[in-house]
């Protein structure tokens, strides 16, 4: 377990959008910081299905919450319709939310309710050297700084799977690039140029 620099406790009284790439440790951090909060994980198929079919269930389930109770919804971009319910609950019951996900872009694409400034925006990045005891620079360069990649001896398969997911779920699914082969080549060149600059400096 890494001690992350990002501290969400300082935002007491506010709701938060917590964004960050996949596997940077958002869910782990939230579970550690707020173990007693109500937690909805939309990666769970049963949670996703019931809220996708009927978003108003969220309001029904939280009607008994007290003012300033904290509710966490992980992977909020999977059911953008929930944001209307979140908005109502924030406005009328003064419930606080941490809305966590990997794609703010996906919410914008579907015209989701981004709560009109009622939630602060926070971003979680991969590890930085000060968060890693006995930090190894060469391991960081070769493995990357996503926690589960940094930890393994041979990260190539994990990195390939991660890039494959990124290309399919973020680039192809959202039509951000019409030529996926060219974009894949661009990623390779960008990685090479980035490492050259790091080594040169």
Protein backbone atom coordinates (compact mmCIF):
# COMPACT_ATOMS: atom_id res chain seq x y z
CA UNK A 1 0.00 0.00 0.00
CA UNK A 2 1.39 3.37 -1.05
CA UNK A 3 0.71 6.57 0.88
CA UNK A 4 -0.62 8.89 -1.79
CA UNK A 5 -0.02 12.63 -1.76
CA UNK A 6 -3.60 13.34 -2.86
CA UNK A 7 -5.65 14.05 0.28
CA UNK A 8 -9.38 14.34 -0.25
CA UNK A 9 -10.16 14.97 3.42
CA UNK A 10 -9.33 18.67 2.89
CA UNK A 11 -12.50 19.01 0.82
CA UNK A 12 -14.86 18.26 3.71
CA UNK A 13 -18.24 19.77 3.01
CA UNK A 14 -17.80 19.60 -0.78
CA UNK A 15 -18.69 17.03 -3.39
CA UNK A 16 -15.93 15.90 -5.73
CA UNK A 17 -15.41 14.51 -9.20
CA UNK A 18 -12.31 12.32 -8.90
CA UNK A 19 -10.84 11.53 -12.32
CA UNK A 20 -7.81 9.50 -13.27
CA UNK A 21 -6.54 6.89 -15.71
CA UNK A 22 -7.39 3.25 -15.14
CA UNK A 23 -5.46 1.46 -12.41
CA UNK A 24 -3.85 4.53 -10.82
CA UNK A 25 -5.43 3.56 -7.48
CA UNK A 26 -8.59 5.70 -7.23
CA UNK A 27 -10.82 2.97 -5.80
CA UNK A 28 -8.13 1.75 -3.40
CA UNK A 29 -7.59 5.28 -2.10
CA UNK A 30 -11.32 5.91 -1.57
CA UNK A 31 -11.84 2.61 0.24
CA UNK A 32 -8.92 3.40 2.54
CA UNK A 33 -9.86 7.03 3.25
CA UNK A 34 -13.62 6.54 3.65
CA UNK A 35 -14.21 2.96 4.88
CA UNK A 36 -17.57 3.79 6.50
CA UNK A 37 -19.14 5.63 3.57
CA UNK A 38 -21.86 4.22 1.38
CA UNK A 39 -20.11 2.89 -1.73
CA UNK A 40 -21.61 2.03 -5.11
CA UNK A 41 -19.31 0.24 -7.57
CA UNK A 42 -20.69 0.34 -11.12
CA UNK A 43 -18.10 -2.20 -12.23
CA UNK A 44 -20.28 -4.77 -10.48
CA UNK A 45 -22.66 -6.03 -13.12
CA UNK A 46 -25.64 -6.20 -10.74
CA UNK A 47 -25.09 -2.59 -9.60
CA UNK A 48 -24.67 -1.39 -13.15
CA UNK A 49 -27.78 -3.20 -14.38
CA UNK A 50 -30.16 -2.00 -11.69
CA UNK A 51 -29.11 1.66 -11.97
CA UNK A 52 -28.96 1.55 -15.76
CA UNK A 53 -32.54 0.26 -15.85
CA UNK A 54 -33.81 2.63 -13.18
CA UNK A 55 -31.56 5.54 -12.11
CA UNK A 56 -34.23 6.77 -9.65
CA UNK A 57 -33.31 3.84 -7.38
CA UNK A 58 -30.38 5.92 -6.16
CA UNK A 59 -32.71 8.64 -4.86
CA UNK A 60 -35.02 6.05 -3.27
CA UNK A 61 -32.13 4.35 -1.48
CA UNK A 62 -30.61 7.59 -0.16
CA UNK A 63 -33.74 9.39 1.00
CA UNK A 64 -32.98 8.50 4.63
CA UNK A 65 -29.44 9.92 4.53
CA UNK A 66 -28.56 12.84 6.75
CA UNK A 67 -27.14 16.18 5.64
CA UNK A 68 -23.42 15.90 4.80
CA UNK A 69 -23.48 12.10 4.63
CA UNK A 70 -20.87 10.96 2.10
CA UNK A 71 -21.76 8.65 -0.79
CA UNK A 72 -19.17 7.31 -3.24
CA UNK A 73 -20.09 6.22 -6.77
CA UNK A 74 -17.24 4.50 -8.59
CA UNK A 75 -17.12 4.43 -12.43
CA UNK A 76 -19.86 7.08 -12.67
CA UNK A 77 -19.31 7.41 -16.44
CA UNK A 78 -20.95 4.01 -16.93
CA UNK A 79 -24.40 5.38 -15.98
CA UNK A 80 -24.43 9.12 -16.77
CA UNK A 81 -28.17 9.32 -16.00
CA UNK A 82 -27.32 8.94 -12.31
CA UNK A 83 -25.95 12.48 -12.30
CA UNK A 84 -29.46 13.95 -12.45
CA UNK A 85 -30.32 11.98 -9.30
CA UNK A 86 -27.05 13.05 -7.67
CA UNK A 87 -27.84 16.68 -8.51
CA UNK A 88 -31.28 16.40 -6.88
CA UNK A 89 -29.87 14.72 -3.76
CA UNK A 90 -27.14 17.34 -3.38
CA UNK A 91 -29.60 20.20 -3.80
CA UNK A 92 -32.46 18.90 -1.67
CA UNK A 93 -30.87 16.64 0.96
CA UNK A 94 -27.38 18.23 1.09
CA UNK A 95 -25.73 14.83 0.64
CA UNK A 96 -22.04 14.90 -0.36
CA UNK A 97 -20.74 12.72 -3.18
CA UNK A 98 -17.41 11.55 -4.48
CA UNK A 99 -17.97 10.63 -8.12
CA UNK A 100 -15.08 8.61 -9.38
CA UNK A 101 -14.22 7.58 -12.92
CA UNK A 102 -11.70 7.31 -15.70
CA UNK A 103 -13.50 9.26 -18.42
CA UNK A 104 -14.91 12.75 -17.94
CA UNK A 105 -14.83 12.92 -21.73
CA UNK A 106 -17.40 10.13 -21.97
CA UNK A 107 -19.81 12.04 -19.73
CA UNK A 108 -19.42 15.20 -21.82
CA UNK A 109 -19.95 13.21 -24.99
CA UNK A 110 -23.36 12.03 -23.79
CA UNK A 111 -24.36 15.48 -22.55
CA UNK A 112 -24.46 14.34 -18.93
CA UNK A 113 -25.31 16.69 -16.09
CA UNK A 114 -21.91 17.82 -14.75
CA UNK A 115 -23.62 19.40 -11.72
CA UNK A 116 -23.07 23.02 -12.70
CA UNK A 117 -20.07 23.68 -10.49
CA UNK A 118 -21.52 21.90 -7.45
CA UNK A 119 -18.63 19.39 -7.37
CA UNK A 120 -14.93 20.16 -7.17
CA UNK A 121 -12.68 18.53 -9.75
CA UNK A 122 -9.73 16.46 -8.56
CA UNK A 123 -7.35 14.33 -10.62
CA UNK A 124 -5.36 11.31 -9.47
CA UNK A 125 -2.20 10.52 -11.41
CA UNK A 126 0.14 7.50 -11.36
CA UNK A 127 2.66 7.24 -8.55
CA UNK A 128 5.40 9.80 -8.04
CA UNK A 129 8.81 8.96 -6.60
CA UNK A 130 8.11 10.39 -3.14
CA UNK A 131 5.17 7.98 -2.72
CA UNK A 132 7.38 4.91 -3.26
CA UNK A 133 9.66 3.65 -0.49
CA UNK A 134 13.12 2.81 -1.90
CA UNK A 135 12.18 4.26 -5.29
CA UNK A 136 14.06 2.65 -8.19
CA UNK A 137 14.45 5.05 -11.15
CA UNK A 138 15.19 2.33 -13.73
CA UNK A 139 12.18 0.32 -12.61
CA UNK A 140 10.04 3.44 -12.93
CA UNK A 141 11.33 4.09 -16.45
CA UNK A 142 10.87 0.48 -17.61
CA UNK A 143 7.67 -0.41 -15.77
CA UNK A 144 5.85 2.89 -15.62
CA UNK A 145 4.37 4.36 -12.46
CA UNK A 146 0.96 2.73 -12.37
CA UNK A 147 1.11 0.82 -9.06
CA UNK A 148 0.51 -2.73 -10.26
CA UNK A 149 2.92 -2.25 -13.19
CA UNK A 150 5.68 -0.74 -11.08
CA UNK A 151 5.59 -3.68 -8.65
CA UNK A 152 6.19 -6.58 -11.06
CA UNK A 153 9.52 -7.85 -12.36
CA UNK A 154 8.37 -8.31 -15.95
CA UNK A 155 5.65 -5.77 -16.82
CA UNK A 156 5.52 -6.24 -20.61
CA UNK A 157 2.32 -8.32 -20.70
CA UNK A 158 0.53 -5.99 -18.31
CA UNK A 159 1.62 -2.95 -20.30
CA UNK A 160 0.46 -4.52 -23.57
CA UNK A 161 -2.93 -5.37 -22.05
CA UNK A 162 -3.25 -1.85 -20.64
CA UNK A 163 -2.47 -0.25 -23.99
CA UNK A 164 -4.88 -2.62 -25.75
CA UNK A 165 -7.68 -1.65 -23.35
CA UNK A 166 -6.86 2.03 -23.80
CA UNK A 167 -6.95 1.78 -27.59
CA UNK A 168 -10.22 -0.15 -27.63
CA UNK A 169 -12.16 1.51 -24.83
CA UNK A 170 -10.90 5.08 -24.98
CA UNK A 171 -9.82 5.67 -28.58
CA UNK A 172 -11.84 3.34 -30.81
CA UNK A 173 -15.05 3.38 -28.74
CA UNK A 174 -15.10 7.17 -28.59
CA UNK A 175 -13.93 7.64 -32.18
CA UNK A 176 -11.12 9.95 -31.09
CA UNK A 177 -8.94 8.75 -33.96
CA UNK A 178 -10.11 7.46 -37.33
CA UNK A 179 -6.86 5.63 -38.00
CA UNK A 180 -6.07 3.37 -35.04
CA UNK A 181 -2.89 1.97 -36.64
CA UNK A 182 -1.40 5.43 -37.05
CA UNK A 183 -2.38 6.35 -33.50
CA UNK A 184 -0.71 3.17 -32.17
CA UNK A 185 2.49 4.10 -33.99
CA UNK A 186 2.24 7.63 -32.58
CA UNK A 187 2.11 6.17 -29.04
CA UNK A 188 5.30 4.17 -29.68
CA UNK A 189 7.16 7.21 -31.01
CA UNK A 190 5.91 9.43 -28.17
CA UNK A 191 7.13 6.88 -25.62
CA UNK A 192 10.56 6.67 -27.27
CA UNK A 193 10.93 10.46 -27.43
CA UNK A 194 9.80 10.84 -23.83
CA UNK A 195 12.36 8.34 -22.53
CA UNK A 196 15.14 9.93 -24.60
CA UNK A 197 14.44 13.32 -23.03
CA UNK A 198 14.38 11.86 -19.53
CA UNK A 199 17.71 10.04 -19.99
CA UNK A 200 19.35 13.07 -21.65
CA UNK A 201 18.45 15.36 -18.76
